[in-house]
Amino acid sequence: MPVLAVFDAQGSWRDTHVCDGWITEHLAGQGVSWGRGKKKGQRVLESAGLFYVPTADGYLGLLVEAGEWVSVPDGKPHFFDAGEVESFDALPASLPLFEAFVEEVLSLTGNDADEE
């Protein structure tokens, strides 16, 4: 299940959405698209990952699963974290990395990361 989180310019978590329509609409406003399964010219992710896209007001954080894809226009700033890298120099320190993002989503949905 994809999750889109909205962060302000300081990296504070503001809102969370899991509705495909809302996610699609808000990513499209940034020139970004996403989907499931194969699409010509798109590489499908083999595992979960976290994309960040800067916006005029902050950042959008998109958590995607294996079998999904994200298309970012050439030259559009973005960050990707698959949980395998300790840090990102270009990513603002206030934004959560993959593991912390997943833990927050689990917390928001009433799940415990230790139970997973």
PDB file of N, CA and C in Angstrom:
ATOM      1  N   MET A   1       0.842  -1.172   0.000  1.00  0.00           N
ATOM      2  CA  MET A   1       0.000   0.000   0.000  1.00  0.00           C
ATOM      3  C   MET A   1       0.893   1.243   0.000  1.00  0.00           C
ATOM      4  N   PRO A   2       0.710   2.125  -0.966  1.00  0.00           N
ATOM      5  CA  PRO A   2       1.490   3.356  -0.974  1.00  0.00           C
ATOM      6  C   PRO A   2       1.020   4.296   0.138  1.00  0.00           C
ATOM      7  N   VAL A   3       1.942   5.091   0.625  1.00  0.00           N
ATOM      8  CA  VAL A   3       1.641   6.088   1.647  1.00  0.00           C
ATOM      9  C   VAL A   3       2.303   7.381   1.208  1.00  0.00           C
ATOM     10  N   LEU A   4       1.544   8.481   1.219  1.00  0.00           N
ATOM     11  CA  LEU A   4       2.104   9.784   0.909  1.00  0.00           C
ATOM     12  C   LEU A   4       2.009  10.649   2.150  1.00  0.00           C
ATOM     13  N   ALA A   5       3.155  11.136   2.599  1.00  0.00           N
ATOM     14  CA  ALA A   5       3.204  12.032   3.755  1.00  0.00           C
ATOM     15  C   ALA A   5       3.606  13.420   3.277  1.00  0.00           C
ATOM     16  N   VAL A   6       2.993  14.417   3.906  1.00  0.00           N
ATOM     17  CA  VAL A   6       3.283  15.812   3.586  1.00  0.00           C
ATOM     18  C   VAL A   6       4.095  16.393   4.737  1.00  0.00           C
ATOM     19  N   PHE A   7       5.225  17.009   4.397  1.00  0.00           N
ATOM     20  CA  PHE A   7       6.108  17.626   5.377  1.00  0.00           C
ATOM     21  C   PHE A   7       6.225  19.114   5.075  1.00  0.00           C
ATOM     22  N   ASP A   8       6.348  19.933   6.123  1.00  0.00           N
ATOM     23  CA  ASP A   8       6.575  21.349   5.892  1.00  0.00           C
ATOM     24  C   ASP A   8       8.051  21.579   5.574  1.00  0.00           C
ATOM     25  N   ALA A   9       8.424  22.842   5.352  1.00  0.00           N
ATOM     26  CA  ALA A   9       9.796  23.165   4.949  1.00  0.00           C
ATOM     27  C   ALA A   9      10.821  22.812   6.017  1.00  0.00           C
ATOM     28  N   GLN A  10      10.392  22.724   7.277  1.00  0.00           N
ATOM     29  CA  GLN A  10      11.300  22.346   8.362  1.00  0.00           C
ATOM     30  C   GLN A  10      11.375  20.831   8.546  1.00  0.00           C
ATOM     31  N   GLY A  11      10.594  20.091   7.769  1.00  0.00           N
ATOM     32  CA  GLY A  11      10.610  18.631   7.854  1.00  0.00           C
ATOM     33  C   GLY A  11       9.644  18.060   8.866  1.00  0.00           C
ATOM     34  N   SER A  12       8.710  18.872   9.366  1.00  0.00           N
ATOM     35  CA  SER A  12       7.710  18.371  10.315  1.00  0.00           C
ATOM     36  C   SER A  12       6.606  17.641   9.561  1.00  0.00           C
ATOM     37  N   TRP A  13       6.245  16.465  10.062  1.00  0.00           N
ATOM     38  CA  TRP A  13       5.207  15.624   9.456  1.00  0.00           C
ATOM     39  C   TRP A  13       3.874  16.328   9.635  1.00  0.00           C
ATOM     40  N   ARG A  14       3.173  16.631   8.550  1.00  0.00           N
ATOM     41  CA  ARG A  14       1.913  17.368   8.606  1.00  0.00           C
ATOM     42  C   ARG A  14       0.678  16.530   8.320  1.00  0.00           C
ATOM     43  N   ASP A  15       0.778  15.625   7.362  1.00  0.00           N
ATOM     44  CA  ASP A  15      -0.412  14.895   6.922  1.00  0.00           C
ATOM     45  C   ASP A  15       0.013  13.573   6.302  1.00  0.00           C
ATOM     46  N   THR A  16      -0.889  12.595   6.326  1.00  0.00           N
ATOM     47  CA  THR A  16      -0.603  11.277   5.766  1.00  0.00           C
ATOM     48  C   THR A  16      -1.814  10.804   4.967  1.00  0.00           C
ATOM     49  N   HIS A  17      -1.555  10.240   3.784  1.00  0.00           N
ATOM     50  CA  HIS A  17      -2.648   9.775   2.914  1.00  0.00           C
ATOM     51  C   HIS A  17      -2.317   8.407   2.330  1.00  0.00           C
ATOM     52  N   VAL A  18      -3.341   7.567   2.212  1.00  0.00           N
ATOM     53  CA  VAL A  18      -3.180   6.246   1.601  1.00  0.00           C
ATOM     54  C   VAL A  18      -4.141   6.052   0.426  1.00  0.00           C
ATOM     55  N   CYS A  19      -4.934   7.060   0.113  1.00  0.00           N
ATOM     56  CA  CYS A  19      -5.883   6.988  -0.999  1.00  0.00           C
ATOM     57  C   CYS A  19      -5.146   7.165  -2.322  1.00  0.00           C
ATOM     58  N   ASP A  20      -5.241   6.168  -3.200  1.00  0.00           N
ATOM     59  CA  ASP A  20      -4.541   6.224  -4.482  1.00  0.00           C
ATOM     60  C   ASP A  20      -4.854   7.503  -5.257  1.00  0.00           C
ATOM     61  N   GLY A  21      -6.115   7.911  -5.263  1.00  0.00           N
ATOM     62  CA  GLY A  21      -6.519   9.110  -6.005  1.00  0.00           C
ATOM     63  C   GLY A  21      -5.860  10.364  -5.465  1.00  0.00           C
ATOM     64  N   TRP A  22      -5.830  10.510  -4.148  1.00  0.00           N
ATOM     65  CA  TRP A  22      -5.204  11.678  -3.524  1.00  0.00           C
ATOM     66  C   TRP A  22      -3.714  11.679  -3.808  1.00  0.00           C
ATOM     67  N   ILE A  23      -3.094  10.522  -3.679  1.00  0.00           N
ATOM     68  CA  ILE A  23      -1.659  10.405  -3.934  1.00  0.00           C
ATOM     69  C   ILE A  23      -1.349  10.786  -5.383  1.00  0.00           C
ATOM     70  N   THR A  24      -2.088  10.232  -6.316  1.00  0.00           N
ATOM     71  CA  THR A  24      -1.878  10.505  -7.735  1.00  0.00           C
ATOM     72  C   THR A  24      -2.028  11.992  -8.033  1.00  0.00           C
ATOM     73  N   GLU A  25      -3.075  12.599  -7.508  1.00  0.00           N
ATOM     74  CA  GLU A  25      -3.342  14.026  -7.747  1.00  0.00           C
ATOM     75  C   GLU A  25      -2.224  14.920  -7.213  1.00  0.00           C
ATOM     76  N   HIS A  26      -1.785  14.664  -6.003  1.00  0.00           N
ATOM     77  CA  HIS A  26      -0.769  15.524  -5.402  1.00  0.00           C
ATOM     78  C   HIS A  26       0.622  15.307  -5.997  1.00  0.00           C
ATOM     79  N   LEU A  27       0.935  14.098  -6.392  1.00  0.00           N
ATOM     80  CA  LEU A  27       2.204  13.868  -7.081  1.00  0.00           C
ATOM     81  C   LEU A  27       2.187  14.519  -8.465  1.00  0.00           C
ATOM     82  N   ALA A  28       1.051  14.430  -9.151  1.00  0.00           N
ATOM     83  CA  ALA A  28       0.932  15.030 -10.486  1.00  0.00           C
ATOM     84  C   ALA A  28       1.167  16.537 -10.428  1.00  0.00           C
ATOM     85  N   GLY A  29       0.772  17.171  -9.327  1.00  0.00           N
ATOM     86  CA  GLY A  29       1.019  18.594  -9.156  1.00  0.00           C
ATOM     87  C   GLY A  29       2.504  18.923  -9.119  1.00  0.00           C
ATOM     88  N   GLN A  30       3.331  17.921  -8.872  1.00  0.00           N
ATOM     89  CA  GLN A  30       4.790  18.082  -8.860  1.00  0.00           C
ATOM     90  C   GLN A  30       5.434  17.487 -10.113  1.00  0.00           C
ATOM     91  N   GLY A  31       4.591  17.020 -11.059  1.00  0.00           N
ATOM     92  CA  GLY A  31       5.116  16.410 -12.282  1.00  0.00           C
ATOM     93  C   GLY A  31       5.538  14.965 -12.114  1.00  0.00           C
ATOM     94  N   VAL A  32       5.175  14.355 -10.985  1.00  0.00           N
ATOM     95  CA  VAL A  32       5.579  12.991 -10.648  1.00  0.00           C
ATOM     96  C   VAL A  32       4.386  12.055 -10.823  1.00  0.00           C
ATOM     97  N   SER A  33       4.634  10.861 -11.334  1.00  0.00           N
ATOM     98  CA  SER A  33       3.571   9.853 -11.423  1.00  0.00           C
ATOM     99  C   SER A  33       4.070   8.557 -10.790  1.00  0.00           C
ATOM    100  N   TRP A  34       3.121   7.696 -10.455  1.00  0.00           N
ATOM    101  CA  TRP A  34       3.466   6.406  -9.852  1.00  0.00           C
ATOM    102  C   TRP A  34       2.399   5.401 -10.273  1.00  0.00           C
ATOM    103  N   GLY A  35       2.687   4.147 -10.098  1.00  0.00           N
ATOM    104  CA  GLY A  35       1.705   3.129 -10.425  1.00  0.00           C
ATOM    105  C   GLY A  35       2.179   1.754 -10.006  1.00  0.00           C
ATOM    106  N   ARG A  36       1.365   0.769 -10.362  1.00  0.00           N
ATOM    107  CA  ARG A  36       1.659  -0.625 -10.036  1.00  0.00           C
ATOM    108  C   ARG A  36       1.840  -1.414 -11.323  1.00  0.00           C
ATOM    109  N   GLY A  37       2.679  -2.430 -11.239  1.00  0.00           N
ATOM    110  CA  GLY A  37       2.870  -3.312 -12.384  1.00  0.00           C
ATOM    111  C   GLY A  37       3.759  -2.687 -13.439  1.00  0.00           C
ATOM    112  N   LYS A  38       3.783  -3.319 -14.572  1.00  0.00           N
ATOM    113  CA  LYS A  38       4.686  -2.889 -15.636  1.00  0.00           C
ATOM    114  C   LYS A  38       4.092  -1.720 -16.417  1.00  0.00           C
ATOM    115  N   LYS A  39       4.979  -0.784 -16.742  1.00  0.00           N
ATOM    116  CA  LYS A  39       4.633   0.330 -17.611  1.00  0.00           C
ATOM    117  C   LYS A  39       5.822   0.536 -18.530  1.00  0.00           C
ATOM    118  N   LYS A  40       5.554   0.704 -19.799  1.00  0.00           N
ATOM    119  CA  LYS A  40       6.638   0.851 -20.768  1.00  0.00           C
ATOM    120  C   LYS A  40       7.581   1.979 -20.346  1.00  0.00           C
ATOM    121  N   GLY A  41       8.855   1.653 -20.315  1.00  0.00           N
ATOM    122  CA  GLY A  41       9.872   2.635 -19.981  1.00  0.00           C
ATOM    123  C   GLY A  41      10.102   2.834 -18.491  1.00  0.00           C
ATOM    124  N   GLN A  42       9.365   2.127 -17.657  1.00  0.00           N
ATOM    125  CA  GLN A  42       9.521   2.277 -16.209  1.00  0.00           C
ATOM    126  C   GLN A  42      10.120   1.016 -15.606  1.00  0.00           C
ATOM    127  N   ARG A  43      11.031   1.200 -14.697  1.00  0.00           N
ATOM    128  CA  ARG A  43      11.608   0.075 -13.955  1.00  0.00           C
ATOM    129  C   ARG A  43      10.771  -0.132 -12.706  1.00  0.00           C
ATOM    130  N   VAL A  44      10.273  -1.329 -12.524  1.00  0.00           N
ATOM    131  CA  VAL A  44       9.454  -1.663 -11.365  1.00  0.00           C
ATOM    132  C   VAL A  44      10.377  -1.967 -10.187  1.00  0.00           C
ATOM    133  N   LEU A  45      10.057  -1.419  -9.038  1.00  0.00           N
ATOM    134  CA  LEU A  45      10.879  -1.635  -7.846  1.00  0.00           C
ATOM    135  C   LEU A  45      10.804  -3.086  -7.393  1.00  0.00           C
ATOM    136  N   GLU A  46      11.927  -3.593  -6.942  1.00  0.00           N
ATOM    137  CA  GLU A  46      11.988  -4.970  -6.451  1.00  0.00           C
ATOM    138  C   GLU A  46      11.748  -5.055  -4.952  1.00  0.00           C
ATOM    139  N   SER A  47      11.820  -3.919  -4.265  1.00  0.00           N
ATOM    140  CA  SER A  47      11.559  -3.885  -2.825  1.00  0.00           C
ATOM    141  C   SER A  47      10.969  -2.522  -2.477  1.00  0.00           C
ATOM    142  N   ALA A  48      10.555  -2.375  -1.241  1.00  0.00           N
ATOM    143  CA  ALA A  48       9.968  -1.110  -0.806  1.00  0.00           C
ATOM    144  C   ALA A  48      11.008   0.003  -0.845  1.00  0.00           C
ATOM    145  N   GLY A  49      10.532   1.219  -1.014  1.00  0.00           N
ATOM    146  CA  GLY A  49      11.426   2.366  -1.039  1.00  0.00           C
ATOM    147  C   GLY A  49      10.680   3.635  -0.677  1.00  0.00           C
ATOM    148  N   LEU A  50      11.426   4.673  -0.404  1.00  0.00           N
ATOM    149  CA  LEU A  50      10.871   5.956   0.006  1.00  0.00           C
ATOM    150  C   LEU A  50      11.419   7.047  -0.909  1.00  0.00           C
ATOM    151  N   PHE A  51      10.519   7.747  -1.590  1.00  0.00           N
ATOM    152  CA  PHE A  51      10.885   8.870  -2.451  1.00  0.00           C
ATOM    153  C   PHE A  51      10.488  10.164  -1.757  1.00  0.00           C
ATOM    154  N   TYR A  52      11.378  11.126  -1.787  1.00  0.00           N
ATOM    155  CA  TYR A  52      11.055  12.478  -1.338  1.00  0.00           C
ATOM    156  C   TYR A  52      11.153  13.412  -2.534  1.00  0.00           C
ATOM    157  N   VAL A  53      10.158  14.295  -2.648  1.00  0.00           N
ATOM    158  CA  VAL A  53      10.135  15.309  -3.690  1.00  0.00           C
ATOM    159  C   VAL A  53       9.934  16.664  -3.012  1.00  0.00           C
ATOM    160  N   PRO A  54      10.858  17.602  -3.219  1.00  0.00           N
ATOM    161  CA  PRO A  54      10.654  18.942  -2.664  1.00  0.00           C
ATOM    162  C   PRO A  54       9.474  19.631  -3.339  1.00  0.00           C
ATOM    163  N   THR A  55       8.720  20.394  -2.571  1.00  0.00           N
ATOM    164  CA  THR A  55       7.611  21.195  -3.083  1.00  0.00           C
ATOM    165  C   THR A  55       7.861  22.651  -2.689  1.00  0.00           C
ATOM    166  N   ALA A  56       6.994  23.532  -3.116  1.00  0.00           N
ATOM    167  CA  ALA A  56       7.133  24.949  -2.755  1.00  0.00           C
ATOM    168  C   ALA A  56       6.991  25.146  -1.252  1.00  0.00           C
ATOM    169  N   ASP A  57       6.220  24.276  -0.588  1.00  0.00           N
ATOM    170  CA  ASP A  57       5.944  24.428   0.847  1.00  0.00           C
ATOM    171  C   ASP A  57       6.702  23.457   1.737  1.00  0.00           C
ATOM    172  N   GLY A  58       7.426  22.507   1.153  1.00  0.00           N
ATOM    173  CA  GLY A  58       8.120  21.511   1.961  1.00  0.00           C
ATOM    174  C   GLY A  58       8.518  20.309   1.135  1.00  0.00           C
ATOM    175  N   TYR A  59       7.983  19.143   1.526  1.00  0.00           N
ATOM    176  CA  TYR A  59       8.341  17.887   0.863  1.00  0.00           C
ATOM    177  C   TYR A  59       7.145  16.948   0.838  1.00  0.00           C
ATOM    178  N   LEU A  60       7.107  16.095  -0.184  1.00  0.00           N
ATOM    179  CA  LEU A  60       6.205  14.956  -0.221  1.00  0.00           C
ATOM    180  C   LEU A  60       7.074  13.716  -0.055  1.00  0.00           C
ATOM    181  N   GLY A  61       6.662  12.818   0.829  1.00  0.00           N
ATOM    182  CA  GLY A  61       7.360  11.558   1.024  1.00  0.00           C
ATOM    183  C   GLY A  61       6.460  10.427   0.576  1.00  0.00           C
ATOM    184  N   LEU A  62       6.867   9.673  -0.414  1.00  0.00           N
ATOM    185  CA  LEU A  62       6.060   8.585  -0.962  1.00  0.00           C
ATOM    186  C   LEU A  62       6.710   7.247  -0.643  1.00  0.00           C
ATOM    187  N   LEU A  63       6.031   6.442   0.150  1.00  0.00           N
ATOM    188  CA  LEU A  63       6.472   5.089   0.461  1.00  0.00           C
ATOM    189  C   LEU A  63       5.805   4.150  -0.531  1.00  0.00           C
ATOM    190  N   VAL A  64       6.614   3.423  -1.291  1.00  0.00           N
ATOM    191  CA  VAL A  64       6.088   2.483  -2.278  1.00  0.00           C
ATOM    192  C   VAL A  64       6.592   1.079  -1.973  1.00  0.00           C
ATOM    193  N   GLU A  65       5.888   0.097  -2.525  1.00  0.00           N
ATOM    194  CA  GLU A  65       6.213  -1.309  -2.293  1.00  0.00           C
ATOM    195  C   GLU A  65       6.808  -1.934  -3.545  1.00  0.00           C
ATOM    196  N   ALA A  66       7.334  -3.124  -3.378  1.00  0.00           N
ATOM    197  CA  ALA A  66       7.809  -3.896  -4.527  1.00  0.00           C
ATOM    198  C   ALA A  66       6.659  -4.023  -5.523  1.00  0.00           C
ATOM    199  N   GLY A  67       6.968  -3.930  -6.794  1.00  0.00           N
ATOM    200  CA  GLY A  67       5.955  -4.045  -7.838  1.00  0.00           C
ATOM    201  C   GLY A  67       5.371  -2.712  -8.263  1.00  0.00           C
ATOM    202  N   GLU A  68       5.784  -1.619  -7.620  1.00  0.00           N
ATOM    203  CA  GLU A  68       5.317  -0.289  -7.985  1.00  0.00           C
ATOM    204  C   GLU A  68       6.455   0.478  -8.647  1.00  0.00           C
ATOM    205  N   TRP A  69       6.138   1.573  -9.301  1.00  0.00           N
ATOM    206  CA  TRP A  69       7.128   2.400  -9.966  1.00  0.00           C
ATOM    207  C   TRP A  69       6.822   3.868  -9.703  1.00  0.00           C
ATOM    208  N   VAL A  70       7.842   4.689  -9.839  1.00  0.00           N
ATOM    209  CA  VAL A  70       7.715   6.139  -9.694  1.00  0.00           C
ATOM    210  C   VAL A  70       8.434   6.780 -10.868  1.00  0.00           C
ATOM    211  N   SER A  71       7.797   7.749 -11.486  1.00  0.00           N
ATOM    212  CA  SER A  71       8.399   8.468 -12.599  1.00  0.00           C
ATOM    213  C   SER A  71       8.594   9.923 -12.201  1.00  0.00           C
ATOM    214  N   VAL A  72       9.857  10.346 -12.186  1.00  0.00           N
ATOM    215  CA  VAL A  72      10.224  11.713 -11.817  1.00  0.00           C
ATOM    216  C   VAL A  72      10.809  12.377 -13.059  1.00  0.00           C
ATOM    217  N   PRO A  73      10.325  13.573 -13.419  1.00  0.00           N
ATOM    218  CA  PRO A  73      10.849  14.240 -14.618  1.00  0.00           C
ATOM    219  C   PRO A  73      12.354  14.490 -14.525  1.00  0.00           C
ATOM    220  N   ASP A  74      13.021  14.453 -15.661  1.00  0.00           N
ATOM    221  CA  ASP A  74      14.448  14.778 -15.709  1.00  0.00           C
ATOM    222  C   ASP A  74      14.685  16.139 -15.068  1.00  0.00           C
ATOM    223  N   GLY A  75      15.687  16.207 -14.239  1.00  0.00           N
ATOM    224  CA  GLY A  75      16.046  17.461 -13.603  1.00  0.00           C
ATOM    225  C   GLY A  75      15.249  17.802 -12.356  1.00  0.00           C
ATOM    226  N   LYS A  76      14.217  17.027 -12.059  1.00  0.00           N
ATOM    227  CA  LYS A  76      13.401  17.284 -10.860  1.00  0.00           C
ATOM    228  C   LYS A  76      14.168  16.773  -9.648  1.00  0.00           C
ATOM    229  N   PRO A  77      14.439  17.644  -8.667  1.00  0.00           N
ATOM    230  CA  PRO A  77      15.127  17.167  -7.460  1.00  0.00           C
ATOM    231  C   PRO A  77      14.291  16.111  -6.739  1.00  0.00           C
ATOM    232  N   HIS A  78      14.939  15.061  -6.289  1.00  0.00           N
ATOM    233  CA  HIS A  78      14.253  14.027  -5.516  1.00  0.00           C
ATOM    234  C   HIS A  78      15.301  13.203  -4.776  1.00  0.00           C
ATOM    235  N   PHE A  79      14.836  12.471  -3.795  1.00  0.00           N
ATOM    236  CA  PHE A  79      15.699  11.621  -2.980  1.00  0.00           C
ATOM    237  C   PHE A  79      15.042  10.251  -2.902  1.00  0.00           C
ATOM    238  N   PHE A  80      15.838   9.202  -2.888  1.00  0.00           N
ATOM    239  CA  PHE A  80      15.314   7.838  -2.770  1.00  0.00           C
ATOM    240  C   PHE A  80      16.067   7.112  -1.667  1.00  0.00           C
ATOM    241  N   ASP A  81      15.316   6.417  -0.829  1.00  0.00           N
ATOM    242  CA  ASP A  81      15.906   5.646   0.275  1.00  0.00           C
ATOM    243  C   ASP A  81      15.234   4.279   0.303  1.00  0.00           C
ATOM    244  N   ALA A  82      16.036   3.240   0.158  1.00  0.00           N
ATOM    245  CA  ALA A  82      15.519   1.873   0.236  1.00  0.00           C
ATOM    246  C   ALA A  82      15.910   1.218   1.555  1.00  0.00           C
ATOM    247  N   GLY A  83      16.381   2.026   2.507  1.00  0.00           N
ATOM    248  CA  GLY A  83      16.724   1.498   3.811  1.00  0.00           C
ATOM    249  C   GLY A  83      18.089   0.854   3.886  1.00  0.00           C
ATOM    250  N   GLU A  84      18.866   0.963   2.824  1.00  0.00           N
ATOM    251  CA  GLU A  84      20.167   0.294   2.794  1.00  0.00           C
ATOM    252  C   GLU A  84      21.334   1.251   3.031  1.00  0.00           C
ATOM    253  N   VAL A  85      21.068   2.545   3.036  1.00  0.00           N
ATOM    254  CA  VAL A  85      22.115   3.546   3.176  1.00  0.00           C
ATOM    255  C   VAL A  85      21.944   4.232   4.524  1.00  0.00           C
ATOM    256  N   GLU A  86      23.024   4.476   5.213  1.00  0.00           N
ATOM    257  CA  GLU A  86      22.964   5.062   6.554  1.00  0.00           C
ATOM    258  C   GLU A  86      22.518   6.509   6.547  1.00  0.00           C
ATOM    259  N   SER A  87      22.911   7.305   5.536  1.00  0.00           N
ATOM    260  CA  SER A  87      22.523   8.705   5.497  1.00  0.00           C
ATOM    261  C   SER A  87      22.570   9.238   4.075  1.00  0.00           C
ATOM    262  N   PHE A  88      21.891  10.335   3.896  1.00  0.00           N
ATOM    263  CA  PHE A  88      21.882  11.041   2.621  1.00  0.00           C
ATOM    264  C   PHE A  88      22.385  12.446   2.871  1.00  0.00           C
ATOM    265  N   ASP A  89      23.460  12.828   2.217  1.00  0.00           N
ATOM    266  CA  ASP A  89      24.005  14.164   2.406  1.00  0.00           C
ATOM    267  C   ASP A  89      23.037  15.241   1.924  1.00  0.00           C
ATOM    268  N   ALA A  90      22.338  14.990   0.827  1.00  0.00           N
ATOM    269  CA  ALA A  90      21.472  16.006   0.248  1.00  0.00           C
ATOM    270  C   ALA A  90      20.098  16.074   0.920  1.00  0.00           C
ATOM    271  N   LEU A  91      19.692  15.032   1.610  1.00  0.00           N
ATOM    272  CA  LEU A  91      18.383  15.002   2.256  1.00  0.00           C
ATOM    273  C   LEU A  91      18.429  15.804   3.553  1.00  0.00           C
ATOM    274  N   PRO A  92      17.496  16.742   3.722  1.00  0.00           N
ATOM    275  CA  PRO A  92      17.479  17.502   4.973  1.00  0.00           C
ATOM    276  C   PRO A  92      17.418  16.569   6.179  1.00  0.00           C
ATOM    277  N   ALA A  93      18.229  16.844   7.171  1.00  0.00           N
ATOM    278  CA  ALA A  93      18.341  15.976   8.349  1.00  0.00           C
ATOM    279  C   ALA A  93      17.025  15.834   9.101  1.00  0.00           C
ATOM    280  N   SER A  94      16.118  16.790   8.945  1.00  0.00           N
ATOM    281  CA  SER A  94      14.857  16.738   9.682  1.00  0.00           C
ATOM    282  C   SER A  94      13.862  15.732   9.105  1.00  0.00           C
ATOM    283  N   LEU A  95      14.087  15.258   7.871  1.00  0.00           N
ATOM    284  CA  LEU A  95      13.168  14.284   7.268  1.00  0.00           C
ATOM    285  C   LEU A  95      13.552  12.873   7.699  1.00  0.00           C
ATOM    286  N   PRO A  96      12.546  12.041   7.997  1.00  0.00           N
ATOM    287  CA  PRO A  96      12.867  10.669   8.420  1.00  0.00           C
ATOM    288  C   PRO A  96      13.382   9.815   7.264  1.00  0.00           C
ATOM    289  N   LEU A  97      14.377   8.985   7.557  1.00  0.00           N
ATOM    290  CA  LEU A  97      14.830   8.002   6.591  1.00  0.00           C
ATOM    291  C   LEU A  97      13.837   6.845   6.560  1.00  0.00           C
ATOM    292  N   PHE A  98      14.063   5.904   5.666  1.00  0.00           N
ATOM    293  CA  PHE A  98      13.130   4.807   5.395  1.00  0.00           C
ATOM    294  C   PHE A  98      12.595   4.129   6.667  1.00  0.00           C
ATOM    295  N   GLU A  99      13.497   3.629   7.503  1.00  0.00           N
ATOM    296  CA  GLU A  99      13.071   2.863   8.683  1.00  0.00           C
ATOM    297  C   GLU A  99      12.205   3.703   9.622  1.00  0.00           C
ATOM    298  N   ALA A 100      12.609   4.944   9.875  1.00  0.00           N
ATOM    299  CA  ALA A 100      11.838   5.824  10.756  1.00  0.00           C
ATOM    300  C   ALA A 100      10.491   6.175  10.133  1.00  0.00           C
ATOM    301  N   PHE A 101      10.460   6.347   8.813  1.00  0.00           N
ATOM    302  CA  PHE A 101       9.211   6.636   8.101  1.00  0.00           C
ATOM    303  C   PHE A 101       8.240   5.473   8.271  1.00  0.00           C
ATOM    304  N   VAL A 102       8.726   4.261   8.038  1.00  0.00           N
ATOM    305  CA  VAL A 102       7.881   3.065   8.170  1.00  0.00           C
ATOM    306  C   VAL A 102       7.371   2.925   9.605  1.00  0.00           C
ATOM    307  N   GLU A 103       8.242   3.139  10.580  1.00  0.00           N
ATOM    308  CA  GLU A 103       7.813   3.056  11.984  1.00  0.00           C
ATOM    309  C   GLU A 103       6.732   4.072  12.302  1.00  0.00           C
ATOM    310  N   GLU A 104       6.842   5.282  11.766  1.00  0.00           N
ATOM    311  CA  GLU A 104       5.820   6.309  12.004  1.00  0.00           C
ATOM    312  C   GLU A 104       4.501   5.923  11.350  1.00  0.00           C
ATOM    313  N   VAL A 105       4.555   5.404  10.128  1.00  0.00           N
ATOM    314  CA  VAL A 105       3.327   4.957   9.453  1.00  0.00           C
ATOM    315  C   VAL A 105       2.668   3.844  10.257  1.00  0.00           C
ATOM    316  N   LEU A 106       3.450   2.885  10.735  1.00  0.00           N
ATOM    317  CA  LEU A 106       2.898   1.801  11.551  1.00  0.00           C
ATOM    318  C   LEU A 106       2.269   2.358  12.823  1.00  0.00           C
ATOM    319  N   SER A 107       2.909   3.315  13.437  1.00  0.00           N
ATOM    320  CA  SER A 107       2.377   3.937  14.647  1.00  0.00           C
ATOM    321  C   SER A 107       1.062   4.660  14.358  1.00  0.00           C
ATOM    322  N   LEU A 108       1.012   5.399  13.258  1.00  0.00           N
ATOM    323  CA  LEU A 108      -0.194   6.136  12.894  1.00  0.00           C
ATOM    324  C   LEU A 108      -1.377   5.214  12.604  1.00  0.00           C
ATOM    325  N   THR A 109      -1.074   3.991  12.145  1.00  0.00           N
ATOM    326  CA  THR A 109      -2.140   3.046  11.814  1.00  0.00           C
ATOM    327  C   THR A 109      -2.444   2.084  12.958  1.00  0.00           C
ATOM    328  N   GLY A 110      -1.788   2.303  14.111  1.00  0.00           N
ATOM    329  CA  GLY A 110      -2.064   1.465  15.264  1.00  0.00           C
ATOM    330  C   GLY A 110      -1.343   0.128  15.240  1.00  0.00           C
ATOM    331  N   ASN A 111      -0.332   0.004  14.418  1.00  0.00           N
ATOM    332  CA  ASN A 111       0.469  -1.226  14.358  1.00  0.00           C
ATOM    333  C   ASN A 111       1.772  -1.015  15.089  1.00  0.00           C
ATOM    334  N   ASP A 112       2.384  -2.102  15.488  1.00  0.00           N
ATOM    335  CA  ASP A 112       3.661  -2.046  16.192  1.00  0.00           C
ATOM    336  C   ASP A 112       4.731  -2.630  15.284  1.00  0.00           C
ATOM    337  N   ALA A 113       5.806  -1.870  15.078  1.00  0.00           N
ATOM    338  CA  ALA A 113       6.896  -2.344  14.209  1.00  0.00           C
ATOM    339  C   ALA A 113       7.480  -3.655  14.708  1.00  0.00           C
ATOM    340  N   ASP A 114       7.469  -3.884  16.010  1.00  0.00           N
ATOM    341  CA  ASP A 114       8.021  -5.125  16.562  1.00  0.00           C
ATOM    342  C   ASP A 114       7.171  -6.335  16.214  1.00  0.00           C
ATOM    343  N   GLU A 115       5.891  -6.108  15.882  1.00  0.00           N
ATOM    344  CA  GLU A 115       4.998  -7.219  15.539  1.00  0.00           C
ATOM    345  C   GLU A 115       5.154  -7.638  14.080  1.00  0.00           C
ATOM    346  N   GLU A 116       5.762  -6.794  13.277  1.00  0.00           N
ATOM    347  CA  GLU A 116       5.891  -7.067  11.835  1.00  0.00           C
ATOM    348  C   GLU A 116       6.923  -8.116  11.582  1.00  0.00           C
TER     349      GLU A 116
END
